N, C-alpha and C. Protein backbone atom coordinates (compact mmCIF):
# COMPACT_ATOMS: atom_id res chain seq x y z
N MET A 1 3.29 16.65 -33.68
CA MET A 1 4.02 15.79 -32.88
C MET A 1 3.31 15.56 -31.54
N PRO A 2 3.14 14.26 -31.21
CA PRO A 2 2.37 13.97 -29.97
C PRO A 2 3.12 14.42 -28.72
N PRO A 3 2.45 14.76 -27.64
CA PRO A 3 3.14 15.13 -26.43
C PRO A 3 4.02 14.02 -25.87
N ASN A 4 5.05 14.44 -25.20
CA ASN A 4 5.99 13.44 -24.60
C ASN A 4 5.35 12.86 -23.34
N ARG A 5 4.94 11.57 -23.44
CA ARG A 5 4.34 10.96 -22.28
C ARG A 5 5.33 9.98 -21.65
N GLU A 6 5.44 10.12 -20.35
CA GLU A 6 6.37 9.25 -19.67
C GLU A 6 5.66 7.90 -19.50
N LYS A 7 6.45 6.80 -19.54
CA LYS A 7 5.93 5.51 -19.32
C LYS A 7 5.58 5.35 -17.79
N PRO A 8 4.45 4.66 -17.55
CA PRO A 8 4.13 4.50 -16.15
C PRO A 8 5.14 3.52 -15.55
N ASN A 9 5.45 3.74 -14.24
CA ASN A 9 6.36 2.79 -13.55
C ASN A 9 5.78 1.39 -13.52
N LYS A 10 6.59 0.46 -13.96
CA LYS A 10 6.15 -0.92 -13.88
C LYS A 10 6.46 -1.46 -12.49
N ARG A 11 5.65 -2.34 -12.02
CA ARG A 11 5.84 -2.99 -10.69
C ARG A 11 7.13 -3.84 -10.76
N LYS A 12 7.94 -3.69 -9.76
CA LYS A 12 9.15 -4.46 -9.65
C LYS A 12 9.00 -5.49 -8.53
N SER A 13 9.51 -6.72 -8.82
CA SER A 13 9.55 -7.71 -7.78
C SER A 13 10.90 -7.66 -7.09
N LEU A 14 10.94 -7.65 -5.75
CA LEU A 14 12.19 -7.57 -5.07
C LEU A 14 12.53 -8.99 -4.67
N SER A 15 13.84 -9.28 -4.80
CA SER A 15 14.34 -10.53 -4.34
C SER A 15 14.34 -10.54 -2.76
N PHE A 16 14.42 -11.72 -2.23
CA PHE A 16 14.45 -11.80 -0.78
C PHE A 16 15.64 -11.01 -0.22
N ALA A 17 16.81 -11.13 -0.86
CA ALA A 17 18.02 -10.39 -0.35
C ALA A 17 17.76 -8.86 -0.45
N LYS A 18 17.08 -8.40 -1.46
CA LYS A 18 16.81 -6.95 -1.58
C LYS A 18 15.81 -6.53 -0.51
N LYS A 19 14.78 -7.36 -0.29
CA LYS A 19 13.83 -6.99 0.76
C LYS A 19 14.49 -6.94 2.13
N ARG A 20 15.39 -7.97 2.37
CA ARG A 20 16.09 -7.96 3.62
C ARG A 20 16.97 -6.68 3.82
N GLU A 21 17.69 -6.41 2.74
CA GLU A 21 18.51 -5.19 2.72
C GLU A 21 17.64 -3.90 3.01
N LEU A 22 16.51 -3.87 2.42
CA LEU A 22 15.60 -2.68 2.66
C LEU A 22 15.16 -2.63 4.08
N CYS A 23 14.75 -3.78 4.68
CA CYS A 23 14.27 -3.77 6.07
C CYS A 23 15.43 -3.51 7.04
N GLU A 24 16.62 -3.95 6.66
CA GLU A 24 17.76 -3.65 7.60
C GLU A 24 18.12 -2.18 7.49
N TRP A 25 18.04 -1.66 6.33
CA TRP A 25 18.33 -0.21 6.11
C TRP A 25 17.37 0.64 6.89
N LYS A 26 16.05 0.30 6.83
CA LYS A 26 15.03 1.02 7.55
C LYS A 26 15.23 0.88 9.05
N ARG A 27 15.61 -0.25 9.51
CA ARG A 27 15.88 -0.47 10.96
C ARG A 27 17.08 0.40 11.41
N ASP A 28 18.07 0.50 10.62
CA ASP A 28 19.30 1.26 10.99
C ASP A 28 19.10 2.72 10.72
N ASN A 29 18.15 3.14 9.89
CA ASN A 29 17.92 4.53 9.56
C ASN A 29 16.44 4.86 9.73
N PRO A 30 15.94 4.92 10.95
CA PRO A 30 14.53 5.09 11.14
C PRO A 30 13.97 6.51 10.67
N SER A 31 14.89 7.45 10.43
CA SER A 31 14.39 8.73 9.96
C SER A 31 13.92 8.77 8.57
N TYR A 32 14.32 7.77 7.74
CA TYR A 32 13.88 7.72 6.37
C TYR A 32 12.41 7.37 6.25
N ASN A 33 11.73 8.14 5.40
CA ASN A 33 10.28 7.77 5.16
C ASN A 33 10.17 6.86 4.02
N GLN A 34 8.91 6.38 3.77
CA GLN A 34 8.74 5.45 2.70
C GLN A 34 9.12 5.96 1.30
N GLU A 35 8.85 7.22 1.04
CA GLU A 35 9.16 7.79 -0.29
C GLU A 35 10.65 7.80 -0.47
N GLU A 36 11.42 8.20 0.55
CA GLU A 36 12.86 8.25 0.50
C GLU A 36 13.43 6.82 0.22
N LEU A 37 12.88 5.81 0.94
CA LEU A 37 13.32 4.45 0.78
C LEU A 37 12.97 3.94 -0.67
N ALA A 38 11.83 4.34 -1.17
CA ALA A 38 11.46 3.96 -2.53
C ALA A 38 12.46 4.52 -3.51
N GLU A 39 12.87 5.74 -3.35
CA GLU A 39 13.81 6.40 -4.23
C GLU A 39 15.17 5.71 -4.12
N LYS A 40 15.58 5.45 -2.90
CA LYS A 40 16.97 4.89 -2.66
C LYS A 40 17.02 3.47 -3.27
N PHE A 41 15.96 2.66 -3.17
CA PHE A 41 15.99 1.25 -3.62
C PHE A 41 15.43 1.16 -5.03
N ASP A 42 15.08 2.30 -5.63
CA ASP A 42 14.58 2.36 -7.07
C ASP A 42 13.36 1.42 -7.22
N ILE A 43 12.42 1.66 -6.31
CA ILE A 43 11.14 1.00 -6.37
C ILE A 43 9.98 1.99 -6.42
N SER A 44 8.78 1.54 -6.65
CA SER A 44 7.69 2.55 -6.71
C SER A 44 7.34 2.99 -5.32
N LYS A 45 6.79 4.27 -5.37
CA LYS A 45 6.41 4.87 -4.12
C LYS A 45 5.22 4.08 -3.50
N PRO A 46 4.99 4.17 -2.21
CA PRO A 46 3.90 3.51 -1.63
C PRO A 46 2.56 4.14 -2.10
N GLN A 47 1.54 3.31 -2.16
CA GLN A 47 0.22 3.74 -2.62
C GLN A 47 -0.39 4.73 -1.63
N ASP A 48 -1.22 5.60 -2.18
CA ASP A 48 -1.91 6.53 -1.34
C ASP A 48 -3.18 5.91 -0.84
N PHE A 49 -3.42 5.80 0.44
CA PHE A 49 -4.57 5.16 1.00
C PHE A 49 -5.80 5.90 0.97
N LYS A 50 -5.82 7.16 0.41
CA LYS A 50 -7.07 7.96 0.41
C LYS A 50 -8.04 7.29 -0.56
N ASN A 51 -7.59 6.63 -1.60
CA ASN A 51 -8.46 6.01 -2.57
C ASN A 51 -8.88 4.58 -2.21
N GLN A 52 -8.38 4.13 -1.12
CA GLN A 52 -8.63 2.74 -0.78
C GLN A 52 -10.05 2.61 -0.18
N LYS A 53 -10.68 1.48 -0.47
CA LYS A 53 -12.06 1.29 0.05
C LYS A 53 -12.01 1.14 1.61
N ARG A 54 -13.03 1.57 2.25
CA ARG A 54 -13.07 1.60 3.70
C ARG A 54 -14.19 0.71 4.19
N ASP A 55 -14.03 0.29 5.51
CA ASP A 55 -15.06 -0.45 6.07
C ASP A 55 -16.13 0.57 6.49
N ARG A 56 -17.32 0.41 5.94
CA ARG A 56 -18.42 1.36 6.25
C ARG A 56 -19.47 0.71 7.12
N ASP A 57 -20.23 1.55 7.74
CA ASP A 57 -21.32 1.08 8.55
C ASP A 57 -22.35 0.40 7.61
N ALA A 58 -23.11 -0.53 8.25
CA ALA A 58 -24.15 -1.20 7.45
C ALA A 58 -25.28 -0.18 7.15
N LYS A 59 -25.93 -0.46 5.96
CA LYS A 59 -27.02 0.44 5.59
C LYS A 59 -28.26 0.15 6.50
N PHE A 60 -28.37 -1.14 6.84
CA PHE A 60 -29.48 -1.63 7.65
C PHE A 60 -29.01 -2.32 8.91
N PRO A 61 -28.65 -1.56 9.95
CA PRO A 61 -28.02 -2.14 11.12
C PRO A 61 -28.98 -3.13 11.86
N GLU A 62 -30.31 -2.92 11.81
CA GLU A 62 -31.21 -3.83 12.45
C GLU A 62 -31.13 -5.18 11.75
N VAL A 63 -31.10 -5.17 10.43
CA VAL A 63 -31.05 -6.44 9.69
C VAL A 63 -29.73 -7.15 9.98
N GLU A 64 -28.63 -6.39 10.02
CA GLU A 64 -27.32 -6.94 10.29
C GLU A 64 -27.31 -7.60 11.68
N SER A 65 -27.97 -6.96 12.65
CA SER A 65 -28.01 -7.46 14.02
C SER A 65 -28.85 -8.72 14.04
N ALA A 66 -29.97 -8.72 13.39
CA ALA A 66 -30.81 -9.96 13.34
C ALA A 66 -30.17 -11.06 12.64
N LEU A 67 -29.41 -10.80 11.55
CA LEU A 67 -28.64 -11.79 10.87
C LEU A 67 -27.62 -12.39 11.69
N TYR A 68 -26.89 -11.55 12.46
CA TYR A 68 -25.80 -11.99 13.38
C TYR A 68 -26.39 -12.95 14.40
N LEU A 69 -27.50 -12.56 15.03
CA LEU A 69 -28.13 -13.44 16.04
C LEU A 69 -28.59 -14.77 15.45
N TRP A 70 -29.16 -14.72 14.23
CA TRP A 70 -29.60 -15.87 13.63
C TRP A 70 -28.39 -16.82 13.30
N MET A 71 -27.29 -16.23 12.89
CA MET A 71 -26.09 -17.09 12.54
C MET A 71 -25.53 -17.74 13.78
N GLN A 72 -25.65 -17.10 14.99
CA GLN A 72 -25.11 -17.65 16.19
C GLN A 72 -26.05 -18.89 16.57
């Protein structure tokens, strides 16, 4: 028998009214964090930003500088 695998959470679209309700709830209850709000409104948890791409320094700063001057 194959292992019991849970279905991944599908992305849900919130209606304008639901978004407004969520924003008003957060305004009136500032102590709630994003995970608690996600649970309360039955939506997915916020993404973890650790895996997000970051703005990194240029590999060749001199070339970037020269290119910037040339573009001006």
